[in-house]
Amino acid sequence: MLPMGILFGAVHALTPGHGKTVLASYLVGSKLAAVRSLSVAGALAVTHVGSAVLIALFALPLVSRTLGSVGRAPSLEALSRGGLAVIGLWLLIRAVRGGGHHHDEREGMMVGVVAGLVPCPLTLFAMVLALGRGVPEAGLTFALAMVLGVGLTLAVVALLAVFARAWVVAASARHGASIAQLSRVLDGVAGALLLAAGLYALGGSALFAPSGPFTAR
């Protein structure tokens, strides 16, 4: 069943809410090589699934009990979206000021972890179900399969983003564009996209936040 779980996780990661846009946006503006970009994708996958496991094991009260938000952790979602907005603003300011544009692996890992703080609802549901039936090992096995599957899809996204960036840089260099100037532009694009994604997600969560007499207290 484990190979089937990995395949299911890979397909599941194609749906919205798994950080693909954030990952691609950051890598387009970074200078990370293809191999190092995989570590960013791995950090995102592990955090995305692992946060759901930790919530189920240690912090179940953080999970919203409202009918419209089953399987979500609003506190972590808000933290993740706010963090992405801050990172995007920082990248944008750095591009405008024209400072150093060195993107090291630690910066990429930070982006991956922050983006992955939104827990995987499916993993959270499976963990809660497994714990309720007294078979936590089944839930953990499912979570492992999800990490591998989600990581596989995110790795493909990361490699496509890196190769696309390399193609743009090479094409621009052939036409006499300044690599330093192009790096600033890509840095700014990445920052703007991350800032917009974080603010849009924060605005959406506030807009659809439950309220009224049926809100869980």
Protein backbone atom coordinates (compact mmCIF):
# COMPACT_ATOMS: atom_id res chain seq x y z
CA MET A 1 0.00 0.00 0.00
CA LEU A 2 2.94 2.34 0.55
CA PRO A 3 3.69 2.87 -3.19
CA MET A 4 0.00 3.59 -3.75
CA GLY A 5 0.13 6.11 -0.89
CA ILE A 6 3.13 7.84 -2.46
CA LEU A 7 1.34 8.06 -5.80
CA PHE A 8 -1.76 9.39 -4.05
CA GLY A 9 0.34 12.02 -2.26
CA ALA A 10 1.93 13.12 -5.53
CA VAL A 11 -1.46 13.53 -7.19
CA HIS A 12 -2.90 15.21 -4.09
CA ALA A 13 -0.08 17.78 -4.19
CA LEU A 14 -1.29 18.91 -7.61
CA THR A 15 -4.37 20.43 -5.95
CA PRO A 16 -4.23 24.02 -4.57
CA GLY A 17 -2.77 24.69 -1.15
CA HIS A 18 0.54 22.83 -1.29
CA GLY A 19 2.96 25.73 -1.82
CA LYS A 20 3.73 25.18 -5.51
CA THR A 21 3.23 28.86 -6.39
CA VAL A 22 5.32 30.01 -3.43
CA LEU A 23 8.09 27.54 -4.26
CA ALA A 24 8.25 28.49 -7.93
CA SER A 25 8.06 32.21 -7.14
CA TYR A 26 11.01 32.07 -4.78
CA LEU A 27 13.18 29.86 -7.00
CA VAL A 28 12.61 32.10 -10.03
CA GLY A 29 14.32 34.93 -8.16
CA SER A 30 16.97 32.84 -6.43
CA LYS A 31 20.34 31.60 -7.65
CA LEU A 32 20.06 28.14 -6.14
CA ALA A 33 21.25 25.26 -8.29
CA ALA A 34 18.87 22.47 -9.26
CA VAL A 35 20.13 20.10 -6.57
CA ARG A 36 19.85 22.69 -3.80
CA SER A 37 16.38 23.68 -4.95
CA LEU A 38 15.31 20.14 -4.10
CA SER A 39 16.18 20.79 -0.45
CA VAL A 40 13.74 23.73 -0.44
CA ALA A 41 11.04 21.50 -1.91
CA GLY A 42 11.85 18.84 0.68
CA ALA A 43 11.64 21.31 3.54
CA LEU A 44 8.25 22.49 2.32
CA ALA A 45 6.91 18.92 1.98
CA VAL A 46 8.20 17.78 5.40
CA THR A 47 6.86 20.87 7.17
CA HIS A 48 3.51 20.73 5.35
CA VAL A 49 2.84 17.11 6.33
CA GLY A 50 4.79 17.17 9.60
CA SER A 51 2.84 20.11 10.99
CA ALA A 52 -0.37 18.12 10.53
CA VAL A 53 1.16 15.16 12.38
CA LEU A 54 2.31 17.35 15.28
CA ILE A 55 -1.09 19.01 15.55
CA ALA A 56 -2.81 15.63 15.70
CA LEU A 57 -0.38 14.31 18.31
CA PHE A 58 0.16 17.31 20.57
CA ALA A 59 -2.00 20.30 19.70
CA LEU A 60 -5.40 19.08 18.56
CA PRO A 61 -7.19 22.05 20.22
CA LEU A 62 -5.54 24.31 17.61
CA VAL A 63 -7.67 22.68 14.94
CA SER A 64 -10.80 24.68 14.18
CA ARG A 65 -14.00 22.94 15.29
CA THR A 66 -16.30 24.85 12.98
CA LEU A 67 -18.07 22.81 10.31
CA GLY A 68 -16.68 24.94 7.50
CA SER A 69 -13.07 24.63 8.66
CA VAL A 70 -12.68 20.98 9.59
CA GLY A 71 -9.09 19.81 9.15
CA ARG A 72 -7.59 23.29 9.31
CA ALA A 73 -5.33 25.06 11.81
CA PRO A 74 -6.11 28.78 11.42
CA SER A 75 -3.36 29.96 13.77
CA LEU A 76 -0.60 28.22 11.80
CA GLU A 77 -2.16 29.27 8.49
CA ALA A 78 -2.13 32.93 9.53
CA LEU A 79 1.47 32.60 10.76
CA SER A 80 2.55 31.04 7.47
CA ARG A 81 0.82 33.63 5.28
CA GLY A 82 2.10 36.53 7.35
CA GLY A 83 5.61 35.10 7.22
CA LEU A 84 5.47 34.78 3.44
CA ALA A 85 4.33 38.39 3.13
CA VAL A 86 7.25 39.54 5.29
CA ILE A 87 9.76 37.50 3.26
CA GLY A 88 8.31 38.85 0.02
CA LEU A 89 8.54 42.44 1.27
CA TRP A 90 12.14 41.89 2.32
CA LEU A 91 13.08 40.49 -1.12
CA LEU A 92 11.29 43.36 -2.84
CA ILE A 93 13.07 46.02 -0.75
CA ARG A 94 16.42 44.31 -1.34
CA ALA A 95 15.85 44.35 -5.09
CA VAL A 96 14.88 48.03 -5.12
CA ARG A 97 17.84 49.05 -2.98
CA GLY A 98 20.22 47.05 -5.15
CA GLY A 99 22.03 45.35 -2.31
CA GLY A 100 23.51 41.89 -2.29
CA HIS A 101 21.47 39.24 -4.02
CA HIS A 102 23.02 36.13 -2.61
CA HIS A 103 20.38 33.48 -1.98
CA ASP A 104 21.91 30.73 0.08
CA GLU A 105 20.39 27.39 1.00
CA ARG A 106 19.47 28.57 4.51
CA GLU A 107 17.29 31.31 3.08
CA GLY A 108 15.59 28.79 0.82
CA MET A 109 15.00 26.41 3.72
CA MET A 110 13.41 29.24 5.67
CA VAL A 111 11.02 29.93 2.79
CA GLY A 112 10.18 26.23 2.57
CA VAL A 113 9.47 25.92 6.28
CA VAL A 114 7.34 29.07 6.44
CA ALA A 115 5.33 28.04 3.38
CA GLY A 116 4.85 24.55 4.78
CA LEU A 117 3.39 25.72 8.08
CA VAL A 118 -0.07 25.41 6.52
CA PRO A 119 -0.79 21.81 7.59
CA CYS A 120 -2.01 19.20 5.13
CA PRO A 121 -5.76 18.74 5.89
CA LEU A 122 -5.81 15.20 4.49
CA THR A 123 -2.89 14.10 6.67
CA LEU A 124 -4.50 15.75 9.69
CA PHE A 125 -7.77 13.94 9.03
CA ALA A 126 -5.99 10.59 8.61
CA MET A 127 -3.96 11.10 11.80
CA VAL A 128 -7.02 12.00 13.87
CA LEU A 129 -8.89 9.00 12.48
CA ALA A 130 -5.96 6.67 13.17
CA LEU A 131 -5.53 7.99 16.72
CA GLY A 132 -9.26 7.63 17.34
CA ARG A 133 -9.13 3.98 16.29
CA GLY A 134 -6.01 3.28 18.35
CA VAL A 135 -3.67 2.66 15.39
CA PRO A 136 -1.31 5.66 15.36
CA GLU A 137 1.24 3.65 13.34
CA ALA A 138 -1.22 3.57 10.44
CA GLY A 139 -1.53 7.35 10.52
CA LEU A 140 2.25 7.79 10.66
CA THR A 141 2.72 5.40 7.73
CA PHE A 142 0.19 7.40 5.74
CA ALA A 143 2.02 10.61 6.66
CA LEU A 144 5.33 9.14 5.45
CA ALA A 145 3.74 8.22 2.13
CA MET A 146 2.31 11.74 1.85
CA VAL A 147 5.73 13.32 2.50
CA LEU A 148 7.31 11.26 -0.26
CA GLY A 149 4.46 11.87 -2.71
CA VAL A 150 4.09 15.58 -2.02
CA GLY A 151 7.87 15.96 -2.09
CA LEU A 152 8.01 14.29 -5.50
CA THR A 153 5.55 16.76 -7.01
CA LEU A 154 7.22 19.75 -5.38
CA ALA A 155 10.62 18.54 -6.61
CA VAL A 156 9.33 18.56 -10.19
CA VAL A 157 7.98 22.10 -9.69
CA ALA A 158 11.33 23.21 -8.22
CA LEU A 159 13.34 21.80 -11.11
CA LEU A 160 11.03 23.33 -13.70
CA ALA A 161 11.36 26.74 -12.01
CA VAL A 162 15.17 26.50 -11.89
CA PHE A 163 15.44 25.41 -15.51
CA ALA A 164 13.04 28.14 -16.62
CA ARG A 165 15.11 30.74 -14.75
CA ALA A 166 18.33 29.45 -16.32
CA TRP A 167 16.75 29.66 -19.78
CA VAL A 168 15.61 33.25 -19.21
CA VAL A 169 19.06 34.27 -17.94
CA ALA A 170 20.82 32.59 -20.86
CA ALA A 171 18.47 34.12 -23.42
CA SER A 172 18.86 37.58 -21.88
CA ALA A 173 22.65 37.28 -21.81
CA ARG A 174 22.70 36.44 -25.52
CA HIS A 175 20.88 39.70 -26.19
CA GLY A 176 23.37 41.73 -24.15
CA ALA A 177 21.35 42.14 -20.96
CA SER A 178 23.21 42.72 -17.72
CA ILE A 179 23.13 39.62 -15.53
CA ALA A 180 23.33 41.76 -12.38
CA GLN A 181 20.38 43.87 -13.49
CA LEU A 182 18.40 40.77 -14.45
CA SER A 183 19.10 39.28 -11.02
CA ARG A 184 17.64 42.38 -9.39
CA VAL A 185 14.54 42.14 -11.57
CA LEU A 186 14.02 38.46 -10.80
CA ASP A 187 14.60 39.14 -7.11
CA GLY A 188 11.96 41.85 -7.21
CA VAL A 189 9.51 39.65 -9.12
CA ALA A 190 9.94 36.87 -6.57
CA GLY A 191 9.42 39.29 -3.68
CA ALA A 192 6.34 40.85 -5.27
CA LEU A 193 4.78 37.44 -5.93
CA LEU A 194 5.42 36.21 -2.38
CA LEU A 195 4.10 39.46 -0.89
CA ALA A 196 0.98 39.31 -3.05
CA ALA A 197 0.39 35.63 -2.25
CA GLY A 198 0.73 36.21 1.49
CA LEU A 199 -1.53 39.28 1.55
CA TYR A 200 -4.11 37.63 -0.70
CA ALA A 201 -4.22 34.55 1.53
CA LEU A 202 -4.48 36.67 4.67
CA GLY A 203 -7.29 38.70 3.13
CA GLY A 204 -9.11 35.56 2.04
CA SER A 205 -8.87 33.96 5.46
CA ALA A 206 -10.23 37.11 7.09
CA LEU A 207 -13.02 37.38 4.56
CA PHE A 208 -14.17 33.81 5.09
CA ALA A 209 -13.53 33.64 8.83
CA PRO A 210 -16.50 32.08 10.64
CA SER A 211 -18.64 34.39 12.70
CA GLY A 212 -22.03 34.47 14.30
CA PRO A 213 -23.85 32.27 16.78
CA PHE A 214 -22.44 29.02 15.34
CA THR A 215 -18.79 30.00 15.69
CA ALA A 216 -16.81 27.61 17.88
CA ARG A 217 -15.62 29.22 21.09
